[in-house]
C-alpha atoms as a PDB file:
ATOM      1  CA  MET A   1      15.644  -4.576  13.516  1.00  0.00           C
ATOM      2  CA  ALA A   2      15.236  -1.043  12.170  1.00  0.00           C
ATOM      3  CA  ASN A   3      12.123  -0.109  10.264  1.00  0.00           C
ATOM      4  CA  SER A   4      10.212   2.958   9.206  1.00  0.00           C
ATOM      5  CA  PHE A   5       6.806   3.809   7.869  1.00  0.00           C
ATOM      6  CA  GLY A   6       6.795   5.362   4.428  1.00  0.00           C
ATOM      7  CA  THR A   7       4.617   8.229   3.301  1.00  0.00           C
ATOM      8  CA  ASP A   8       2.699   6.028   0.849  1.00  0.00           C
ATOM      9  CA  ILE A   9      -0.772   4.595   1.404  1.00  0.00           C
ATOM     10  CA  LEU A  10      -2.441   2.382  -1.159  1.00  0.00           C
ATOM     11  CA  ILE A  11      -6.111   1.524  -1.536  1.00  0.00           C
ATOM     12  CA  GLN A  12      -8.054  -0.421  -4.129  1.00  0.00           C
ATOM     13  CA  ALA A  13     -11.243   0.573  -5.971  1.00  0.00           C
ATOM     14  CA  PRO A  14     -13.220  -0.842  -8.895  1.00  0.00           C
ATOM     15  CA  ASP A  15     -13.007   2.614 -10.530  1.00  0.00           C
ATOM     16  CA  PRO A  16      -9.722   4.294  -9.497  1.00  0.00           C
ATOM     17  CA  MET A  17     -10.555   7.572 -11.254  1.00  0.00           C
ATOM     18  CA  ALA A  18     -13.879   7.922  -9.425  1.00  0.00           C
ATOM     19  CA  ALA A  19     -12.092   7.309  -6.124  1.00  0.00           C
ATOM     20  CA  ALA A  20      -9.328   9.767  -7.056  1.00  0.00           C
ATOM     21  CA  SER A  21     -11.922  12.429  -7.895  1.00  0.00           C
ATOM     22  CA  PHE A  22     -13.368  12.069  -4.402  1.00  0.00           C
ATOM     23  CA  TYR A  23      -9.972  12.667  -2.774  1.00  0.00           C
ATOM     24  CA  VAL A  24      -9.215  15.602  -5.075  1.00  0.00           C
ATOM     25  CA  GLU A  25     -12.577  17.306  -4.539  1.00  0.00           C
ATOM     26  CA  GLN A  26     -13.044  16.553  -0.850  1.00  0.00           C
ATOM     27  CA  LEU A  27      -9.514  16.520   0.595  1.00  0.00           C
ATOM     28  CA  GLY A  28      -7.470  18.665  -1.782  1.00  0.00           C
ATOM     29  CA  PHE A  29      -5.201  15.988  -3.229  1.00  0.00           C
ATOM     30  CA  GLU A  30      -3.788  16.428  -6.722  1.00  0.00           C
ATOM     31  CA  ILE A  31      -3.630  13.715  -9.361  1.00  0.00           C
ATOM     32  CA  THR A  32       0.066  13.396 -10.140  1.00  0.00           C
ATOM     33  CA  GLY A  33       0.123  10.218 -12.191  1.00  0.00           C
ATOM     34  CA  GLU A  34      -2.158   7.969 -14.195  1.00  0.00           C
ATOM     35  CA  ASP A  35      -1.338   4.442 -15.292  1.00  0.00           C
ATOM     36  CA  PRO A  36      -3.860   1.929 -16.634  1.00  0.00           C
ATOM     37  CA  GLY A  37      -4.193   0.210 -13.257  1.00  0.00           C
ATOM     38  CA  MET A  38      -3.238   2.952 -10.799  1.00  0.00           C
ATOM     39  CA  ILE A  39      -3.831   6.618 -10.041  1.00  0.00           C
ATOM     40  CA  SER A  40      -1.256   8.550  -7.982  1.00  0.00           C
ATOM     41  CA  LEU A  41      -2.169  11.455  -5.727  1.00  0.00           C
ATOM     42  CA  HIS A  42       0.572  13.281  -3.915  1.00  0.00           C
ATOM     43  CA  GLY A  43      -0.013  15.562  -0.971  1.00  0.00           C
ATOM     44  CA  PRO A  44       2.358  17.550   1.217  1.00  0.00           C
ATOM     45  CA  HIS A  45       2.572  14.797   3.859  1.00  0.00           C
ATOM     46  CA  ILE A  46       1.284  11.549   2.342  1.00  0.00           C
ATOM     47  CA  ASN A  47       1.010   9.992  -1.088  1.00  0.00           C
ATOM     48  CA  LEU A  48      -2.126   8.066  -1.946  1.00  0.00           C
ATOM     49  CA  PHE A  49      -2.154   5.404  -4.641  1.00  0.00           C
ATOM     50  CA  ILE A  50      -5.401   3.892  -5.896  1.00  0.00           C
ATOM     51  CA  GLU A  51      -5.179   0.643  -7.820  1.00  0.00           C
ATOM     52  CA  ARG A  52      -7.961  -1.104  -9.697  1.00  0.00           C
ATOM     53  CA  GLY A  53      -9.350  -4.058  -7.783  1.00  0.00           C
ATOM     54  CA  PRO A  54     -11.479  -5.239  -4.895  1.00  0.00           C
ATOM     55  CA  ALA A  55     -10.953  -3.383  -1.636  1.00  0.00           C
ATOM     56  CA  LEU A  56      -8.416  -4.845   0.802  1.00  0.00           C
ATOM     57  CA  GLY A  57      -8.427  -1.779   3.006  1.00  0.00           C
ATOM     58  CA  PRO A  58      -5.599   0.724   3.319  1.00  0.00           C
ATOM     59  CA  VAL A  59      -2.111  -0.665   2.764  1.00  0.00           C
ATOM     60  CA  LEU A  60       0.707   1.175   4.548  1.00  0.00           C
ATOM     61  CA  GLU A  61       4.339   0.928   3.545  1.00  0.00           C
ATOM     62  CA  VAL A  62       6.971  -0.362   5.983  1.00  0.00           C
ATOM     63  CA  THR A  63      10.676  -0.393   5.150  1.00  0.00           C
ATOM     64  CA  VAL A  64      12.659  -3.258   6.701  1.00  0.00           C
ATOM     65  CA  ASP A  65      16.262  -4.424   6.407  1.00  0.00           C
ATOM     66  CA  SER A  66      15.309  -7.620   4.547  1.00  0.00           C
ATOM     67  CA  VAL A  67      11.894  -8.356   3.041  1.00  0.00           C
ATOM     68  CA  GLU A  68      12.577 -12.118   2.977  1.00  0.00           C
ATOM     69  CA  ALA A  69      13.678 -12.242   6.613  1.00  0.00           C
ATOM     70  CA  ALA A  70      10.706 -10.125   7.677  1.00  0.00           C
ATOM     71  CA  LYS A  71       8.270 -12.401   5.794  1.00  0.00           C
ATOM     72  CA  ILE A  72       9.590 -15.477   7.594  1.00  0.00           C
ATOM     73  CA  ARG A  73       9.593 -13.775  10.980  1.00  0.00           C
ATOM     74  CA  LEU A  74       6.100 -12.312  10.539  1.00  0.00           C
ATOM     75  CA  GLN A  75       4.516 -15.547   9.307  1.00  0.00           C
ATOM     76  CA  LYS A  76       5.858 -17.315  12.409  1.00  0.00           C
ATOM     77  CA  ARG A  77       4.048 -14.671  14.471  1.00  0.00           C
ATOM     78  CA  GLY A  78       0.673 -15.225  12.801  1.00  0.00           C
ATOM     79  CA  CYS A  79       0.826 -12.832   9.866  1.00  0.00           C
ATOM     80  CA  VAL A  80      -0.716 -13.772   6.526  1.00  0.00           C
ATOM     81  CA  MET A  81       0.781 -12.944   3.132  1.00  0.00           C
ATOM     82  CA  VAL A  82      -2.039 -11.201   1.255  1.00  0.00           C
ATOM     83  CA  LYS A  83      -0.026 -10.590  -1.942  1.00  0.00           C
ATOM     84  CA  ASP A  84       3.475 -11.697  -2.776  1.00  0.00           C
ATOM     85  CA  GLU A  85       4.554 -10.400  -6.185  1.00  0.00           C
ATOM     86  CA  PRO A  86       8.345 -10.065  -6.192  1.00  0.00           C
ATOM     87  CA  ASP A  87       8.443  -8.889  -9.821  1.00  0.00           C
ATOM     88  CA  PHE A  88       6.271  -5.842  -9.043  1.00  0.00           C
ATOM     89  CA  PRO A  89       7.764  -5.704  -6.219  1.00  0.00           C
ATOM     90  CA  ARG A  90       4.912  -6.004  -3.775  1.00  0.00           C
ATOM     91  CA  THR A  91       4.608  -7.958  -0.517  1.00  0.00           C
ATOM     92  CA  TYR A  92       1.387  -7.305   1.389  1.00  0.00           C
ATOM     93  CA  VAL A  93       1.226  -8.654   4.921  1.00  0.00           C
ATOM     94  CA  LYS A  94      -1.822  -8.704   7.190  1.00  0.00           C
ATOM     95  CA  ASP A  95      -0.871  -8.879  10.839  1.00  0.00           C
ATOM     96  CA  PRO A  96      -2.918 -10.460  13.650  1.00  0.00           C
ATOM     97  CA  TYR A  97      -4.346  -7.033  14.498  1.00  0.00           C
ATOM     98  CA  GLY A  98      -5.761  -6.371  11.017  1.00  0.00           C
ATOM     99  CA  LEU A  99      -3.134  -3.932   9.743  1.00  0.00           C
ATOM    100  CA  ILE A 100      -2.027  -4.493   6.145  1.00  0.00           C
ATOM    101  CA  TYR A 101       1.333  -3.224   4.980  1.00  0.00           C
ATOM    102  CA  ASN A 102       3.652  -3.554   2.037  1.00  0.00           C
ATOM    103  CA  LEU A 103       7.167  -4.599   3.013  1.00  0.00           C
ATOM    104  CA  THR A 104       9.988  -2.771   1.225  1.00  0.00           C
ATOM    105  CA  SER A 105      13.721  -2.620   1.803  1.00  0.00           C
END
């Protein structure tokens, strides 16, 4: 069962541009992409994405061999699917310890 953390972190904010401005001004990020629902900020070590919406908390990215197999295995261990949008693709999992991550393969 190999996995790896990605360099992407996603947060949500009612006003993504206001949030992005904070990270640019206070932490030196650079806005590298703007879509209607998401602002991208890339840094030398991590990439921060801010999507419009109510705050879930930070969402890390975890790469697994099979998203479907991981979903089944994780739900059996007490994880909750926060978002499951295969067309996006996006699969947010909240584990029993409060960590939220997006499963990718």
